[in-house]
Amino acid sequence: MLSRSAAAIVFSVMVSFAMSLSMSFVLTAMNVGFTQAFLQAWLESLIISLIVSIPISLLVVPLIQRVVQGWTKPS
């Protein structure tokens, strides 16, 4: 089992990966099309996206969780 802090990190990284994978795929397909250059362009885009999204996610997700908890009624 993961500790609460480790689970938060794993969650942020997994969400970043899923979003980066799907968004980079769609945008590369729109910009390059399904040509011979697609795979290389997509992988390059994915790497850049992960480099940007993982640190942002690690910083922003806890902040958003605190904001949403402030809007939530106690049980």
N, C-alpha and C. Protein backbone atom coordinates (compact mmCIF):
# COMPACT_ATOMS: atom_id res chain seq x y z
N MET A 1 0.84 -1.19 0.00
CA MET A 1 0.00 0.00 0.00
C MET A 1 0.89 1.25 0.00
N LEU A 2 0.39 2.27 -0.65
CA LEU A 2 1.11 3.53 -0.72
C LEU A 2 0.72 4.44 0.44
N SER A 3 1.67 5.25 0.87
CA SER A 3 1.33 6.27 1.85
C SER A 3 0.48 7.33 1.15
N ARG A 4 -0.15 8.19 1.93
CA ARG A 4 -1.01 9.22 1.36
C ARG A 4 -0.22 10.17 0.46
N SER A 5 0.98 10.54 0.89
CA SER A 5 1.78 11.47 0.07
C SER A 5 2.29 10.79 -1.19
N ALA A 6 2.68 9.51 -1.11
CA ALA A 6 3.12 8.78 -2.30
C ALA A 6 1.96 8.59 -3.27
N ALA A 7 0.78 8.31 -2.73
CA ALA A 7 -0.41 8.14 -3.59
C ALA A 7 -0.73 9.42 -4.34
N ALA A 8 -0.56 10.56 -3.69
CA ALA A 8 -0.83 11.84 -4.36
C ALA A 8 0.15 12.07 -5.51
N ILE A 9 1.40 11.70 -5.32
CA ILE A 9 2.40 11.84 -6.38
C ILE A 9 2.10 10.89 -7.53
N VAL A 10 1.80 9.64 -7.21
CA VAL A 10 1.48 8.65 -8.26
C VAL A 10 0.24 9.09 -9.03
N PHE A 11 -0.77 9.58 -8.33
CA PHE A 11 -1.99 10.07 -8.99
C PHE A 11 -1.67 11.19 -9.96
N SER A 12 -0.90 12.18 -9.52
CA SER A 12 -0.56 13.32 -10.38
C SER A 12 0.21 12.88 -11.61
N VAL A 13 1.17 11.98 -11.44
CA VAL A 13 1.97 11.51 -12.57
C VAL A 13 1.11 10.71 -13.55
N MET A 14 0.23 9.87 -13.03
CA MET A 14 -0.63 9.06 -13.91
C MET A 14 -1.61 9.94 -14.68
N VAL A 15 -2.20 10.92 -14.04
CA VAL A 15 -3.11 11.83 -14.73
C VAL A 15 -2.35 12.64 -15.78
N SER A 16 -1.17 13.11 -15.43
CA SER A 16 -0.34 13.84 -16.40
C SER A 16 -0.02 12.98 -17.61
N PHE A 17 0.34 11.73 -17.37
CA PHE A 17 0.68 10.83 -18.46
C PHE A 17 -0.53 10.59 -19.37
N ALA A 18 -1.68 10.31 -18.76
CA ALA A 18 -2.89 10.04 -19.55
C ALA A 18 -3.30 11.26 -20.38
N MET A 19 -3.27 12.43 -19.78
CA MET A 19 -3.65 13.64 -20.50
C MET A 19 -2.62 13.97 -21.59
N SER A 20 -1.35 13.85 -21.27
CA SER A 20 -0.30 14.14 -22.26
C SER A 20 -0.37 13.18 -23.43
N LEU A 21 -0.60 11.92 -23.14
CA LEU A 21 -0.68 10.90 -24.19
C LEU A 21 -1.83 11.21 -25.15
N SER A 22 -2.99 11.47 -24.60
CA SER A 22 -4.16 11.70 -25.45
C SER A 22 -4.09 13.05 -26.18
N MET A 23 -3.72 14.10 -25.47
CA MET A 23 -3.67 15.42 -26.10
C MET A 23 -2.58 15.51 -27.15
N SER A 24 -1.41 14.95 -26.87
CA SER A 24 -0.34 15.00 -27.87
C SER A 24 -0.70 14.18 -29.10
N PHE A 25 -1.41 13.07 -28.90
CA PHE A 25 -1.85 12.24 -30.03
C PHE A 25 -2.80 13.03 -30.93
N VAL A 26 -3.81 13.62 -30.32
CA VAL A 26 -4.83 14.35 -31.09
C VAL A 26 -4.21 15.55 -31.82
N LEU A 27 -3.42 16.33 -31.10
CA LEU A 27 -2.85 17.53 -31.72
C LEU A 27 -1.83 17.18 -32.80
N THR A 28 -1.06 16.12 -32.59
CA THR A 28 -0.12 15.70 -33.64
C THR A 28 -0.88 15.20 -34.85
N ALA A 29 -1.93 14.45 -34.64
CA ALA A 29 -2.75 13.97 -35.76
C ALA A 29 -3.34 15.15 -36.53
N MET A 30 -3.78 16.17 -35.83
CA MET A 30 -4.36 17.34 -36.50
C MET A 30 -3.29 18.12 -37.27
N ASN A 31 -2.11 18.27 -36.69
CA ASN A 31 -1.07 19.11 -37.30
C ASN A 31 -0.23 18.39 -38.35
N VAL A 32 0.04 17.10 -38.15
CA VAL A 32 0.92 16.35 -39.05
C VAL A 32 0.13 15.42 -39.94
N GLY A 33 -0.98 14.90 -39.41
CA GLY A 33 -1.74 13.89 -40.12
C GLY A 33 -1.10 12.53 -39.91
N PHE A 34 -1.78 11.51 -40.36
CA PHE A 34 -1.25 10.15 -40.19
C PHE A 34 -0.33 9.82 -41.36
N THR A 35 0.83 10.46 -41.32
CA THR A 35 1.85 10.27 -42.34
C THR A 35 3.00 9.46 -41.74
N GLN A 36 4.05 9.27 -42.52
CA GLN A 36 5.22 8.56 -42.01
C GLN A 36 5.90 9.32 -40.89
N ALA A 37 5.72 10.62 -40.84
CA ALA A 37 6.34 11.45 -39.80
C ALA A 37 5.55 11.46 -38.50
N PHE A 38 4.36 10.86 -38.50
CA PHE A 38 3.47 10.95 -37.34
C PHE A 38 4.10 10.39 -36.07
N LEU A 39 4.61 9.18 -36.11
CA LEU A 39 5.10 8.52 -34.89
C LEU A 39 6.22 9.33 -34.24
N GLN A 40 7.19 9.75 -35.01
CA GLN A 40 8.29 10.52 -34.44
C GLN A 40 7.79 11.86 -33.90
N ALA A 41 6.93 12.53 -34.63
CA ALA A 41 6.40 13.82 -34.17
C ALA A 41 5.58 13.64 -32.89
N TRP A 42 4.80 12.56 -32.83
CA TRP A 42 3.98 12.31 -31.64
C TRP A 42 4.85 12.03 -30.43
N LEU A 43 5.87 11.20 -30.58
CA LEU A 43 6.74 10.88 -29.45
C LEU A 43 7.49 12.12 -28.96
N GLU A 44 7.94 12.95 -29.88
CA GLU A 44 8.60 14.19 -29.48
C GLU A 44 7.64 15.09 -28.73
N SER A 45 6.44 15.21 -29.22
CA SER A 45 5.41 16.02 -28.57
C SER A 45 5.07 15.45 -27.19
N LEU A 46 4.97 14.14 -27.08
CA LEU A 46 4.65 13.49 -25.81
C LEU A 46 5.73 13.77 -24.77
N ILE A 47 6.98 13.66 -25.16
CA ILE A 47 8.07 13.91 -24.21
C ILE A 47 8.03 15.35 -23.70
N ILE A 48 7.87 16.29 -24.60
CA ILE A 48 7.79 17.70 -24.19
C ILE A 48 6.59 17.91 -23.28
N SER A 49 5.47 17.31 -23.63
CA SER A 49 4.25 17.45 -22.84
C SER A 49 4.45 16.90 -21.43
N LEU A 50 5.12 15.76 -21.31
CA LEU A 50 5.35 15.18 -19.98
C LEU A 50 6.30 16.04 -19.16
N ILE A 51 7.32 16.59 -19.80
CA ILE A 51 8.26 17.45 -19.09
C ILE A 51 7.55 18.67 -18.51
N VAL A 52 6.55 19.15 -19.21
CA VAL A 52 5.79 20.31 -18.74
C VAL A 52 4.69 19.91 -17.77
N SER A 53 3.94 18.86 -18.09
CA SER A 53 2.73 18.56 -17.33
C SER A 53 2.97 17.92 -15.97
N ILE A 54 4.01 17.12 -15.82
CA ILE A 54 4.22 16.45 -14.53
C ILE A 54 4.55 17.46 -13.42
N PRO A 55 5.51 18.36 -13.61
CA PRO A 55 5.75 19.34 -12.53
C PRO A 55 4.54 20.24 -12.26
N ILE A 56 3.85 20.64 -13.32
CA ILE A 56 2.66 21.48 -13.12
C ILE A 56 1.61 20.72 -12.32
N SER A 57 1.40 19.46 -12.67
CA SER A 57 0.42 18.64 -11.96
C SER A 57 0.79 18.47 -10.49
N LEU A 58 2.07 18.25 -10.22
CA LEU A 58 2.50 18.06 -8.83
C LEU A 58 2.29 19.32 -8.00
N LEU A 59 2.31 20.47 -8.65
CA LEU A 59 2.09 21.72 -7.93
C LEU A 59 0.62 22.12 -7.88
N VAL A 60 -0.12 21.88 -8.95
CA VAL A 60 -1.49 22.40 -9.06
C VAL A 60 -2.54 21.46 -8.44
N VAL A 61 -2.38 20.15 -8.58
CA VAL A 61 -3.39 19.22 -8.07
C VAL A 61 -3.64 19.40 -6.56
N PRO A 62 -2.59 19.48 -5.73
CA PRO A 62 -2.88 19.69 -4.30
C PRO A 62 -3.60 21.01 -4.02
N LEU A 63 -3.27 22.04 -4.76
CA LEU A 63 -3.95 23.33 -4.60
C LEU A 63 -5.43 23.22 -4.96
N ILE A 64 -5.72 22.58 -6.07
CA ILE A 64 -7.11 22.40 -6.50
C ILE A 64 -7.88 21.54 -5.49
N GLN A 65 -7.23 20.49 -4.97
CA GLN A 65 -7.89 19.65 -3.97
C GLN A 65 -8.27 20.47 -2.73
N ARG A 66 -7.36 21.35 -2.29
CA ARG A 66 -7.68 22.20 -1.13
C ARG A 66 -8.83 23.15 -1.42
N VAL A 67 -8.85 23.72 -2.61
CA VAL A 67 -9.93 24.64 -2.98
C VAL A 67 -11.27 23.89 -2.99
N VAL A 68 -11.30 22.72 -3.61
CA VAL A 68 -12.54 21.94 -3.69
C VAL A 68 -12.99 21.49 -2.31
N GLN A 69 -12.04 21.11 -1.45
CA GLN A 69 -12.41 20.72 -0.09
C GLN A 69 -13.04 21.90 0.66
N GLY A 70 -12.59 23.10 0.36
CA GLY A 70 -13.18 24.30 0.98
C GLY A 70 -14.61 24.54 0.53
N TRP A 71 -14.95 24.05 -0.67
CA TRP A 71 -16.30 24.23 -1.20
C TRP A 71 -17.23 23.08 -0.79
N THR A 72 -16.68 22.04 -0.18
CA THR A 72 -17.44 20.83 0.11
C THR A 72 -17.99 20.86 1.52
N LYS A 73 -19.25 20.47 1.67
CA LYS A 73 -19.87 20.38 2.99
C LYS A 73 -19.26 19.22 3.76
N PRO A 74 -19.06 19.40 5.06
CA PRO A 74 -18.60 18.26 5.87
C PRO A 74 -19.69 17.19 5.94
N SER A 75 -19.28 15.97 6.10
CA SER A 75 -20.25 14.84 6.15
C SER A 75 -21.09 14.88 7.39
